[in-house]
């Protein structure tokens, strides 16, 4: 198994926070947004949302490699 790059643990934490927030929004019908409750509705919340989006982009190559959808050879040689 490939080791995590130095940026990936932070990306995983942000993805976890984003997933919890979206789950909470889905469960409450959009009435509760944890990020807006914590950071308000200003620029800081927007920055957090952008950071979560960048974290998702950072993790795409890891996901593709895990699903064997990248350019690398298949581990079973198929």
Protein backbone atom coordinates (compact mmCIF):
# COMPACT_ATOMS: atom_id res chain seq x y z
CA UNK A 1 0.00 0.00 0.00
CA UNK A 2 1.21 3.45 -0.89
CA UNK A 3 2.10 5.82 1.94
CA UNK A 4 0.20 9.06 2.36
CA UNK A 5 1.80 12.20 1.00
CA UNK A 6 2.28 15.03 3.53
CA UNK A 7 -0.82 16.85 2.22
CA UNK A 8 -3.22 13.89 2.24
CA UNK A 9 -3.90 13.67 6.02
CA UNK A 10 -5.08 17.29 6.01
CA UNK A 11 -7.15 16.62 2.90
CA UNK A 12 -8.77 13.62 4.59
CA UNK A 13 -9.66 15.69 7.65
CA UNK A 14 -11.25 18.38 5.46
CA UNK A 15 -13.15 15.75 3.48
CA UNK A 16 -14.42 14.23 6.72
CA UNK A 17 -15.62 17.65 7.92
CA UNK A 18 -17.28 18.33 4.58
CA UNK A 19 -18.99 14.93 4.53
CA UNK A 20 -20.33 15.43 8.06
CA UNK A 21 -21.62 18.88 7.11
CA UNK A 22 -23.39 17.62 3.99
CA UNK A 23 -24.84 14.70 5.93
CA UNK A 24 -26.17 17.10 8.54
CA UNK A 25 -27.66 19.31 5.83
CA UNK A 26 -29.33 16.27 4.27
CA UNK A 27 -30.72 14.95 7.55
CA UNK A 28 -32.14 18.30 8.65
CA UNK A 29 -33.55 19.25 5.25
CA UNK A 30 -31.08 22.11 4.81
CA UNK A 31 -31.94 23.85 8.06
CA UNK A 32 -28.66 23.16 9.85
CA UNK A 33 -25.27 23.95 8.36
CA UNK A 34 -22.52 23.16 10.87
CA UNK A 35 -19.89 25.20 9.04
CA UNK A 36 -22.12 28.28 8.96
CA UNK A 37 -22.91 27.77 12.65
CA UNK A 38 -19.21 27.62 13.55
CA UNK A 39 -17.74 30.21 11.14
CA UNK A 40 -20.74 32.43 10.43
CA UNK A 41 -21.94 33.26 6.93
CA UNK A 42 -19.04 35.43 5.85
CA UNK A 43 -15.83 35.03 3.93
CA UNK A 44 -14.30 32.54 6.38
CA UNK A 45 -17.03 30.00 5.61
CA UNK A 46 -16.40 30.47 1.90
CA UNK A 47 -12.69 29.87 2.45
CA UNK A 48 -13.47 26.65 4.34
CA UNK A 49 -15.72 25.47 1.50
CA UNK A 50 -12.96 26.20 -1.04
CA UNK A 51 -10.44 24.32 1.13
CA UNK A 52 -12.77 21.31 1.25
CA UNK A 53 -13.13 21.43 -2.54
CA UNK A 54 -9.37 21.59 -3.02
CA UNK A 55 -8.98 18.67 -0.59
CA UNK A 56 -11.35 16.64 -2.75
CA UNK A 57 -9.27 17.43 -5.84
CA UNK A 58 -6.07 16.45 -4.01
CA UNK A 59 -7.56 13.05 -3.17
CA UNK A 60 -8.74 12.20 -6.71
CA UNK A 61 -5.43 10.58 -7.79
CA UNK A 62 -5.43 8.40 -4.63
CA UNK A 63 -9.01 7.34 -5.33
CA UNK A 64 -8.26 6.51 -8.96
CA UNK A 65 -5.22 4.46 -7.96
CA UNK A 66 -7.22 2.61 -5.33
CA UNK A 67 -9.96 1.79 -7.83
CA UNK A 68 -7.28 0.84 -10.41
CA UNK A 69 -8.55 3.48 -12.85
CA UNK A 70 -5.23 5.25 -13.26
CA UNK A 71 -2.46 4.54 -15.77
CA UNK A 72 -0.66 2.09 -13.48
CA UNK A 73 -0.64 -1.64 -14.14
CA UNK A 74 -3.29 -3.76 -12.50
CA UNK A 75 -1.89 -5.51 -9.40
CA UNK A 76 -3.07 -8.95 -10.57
CA UNK A 77 -1.55 -8.46 -14.00
CA UNK A 78 -4.92 -8.65 -15.76
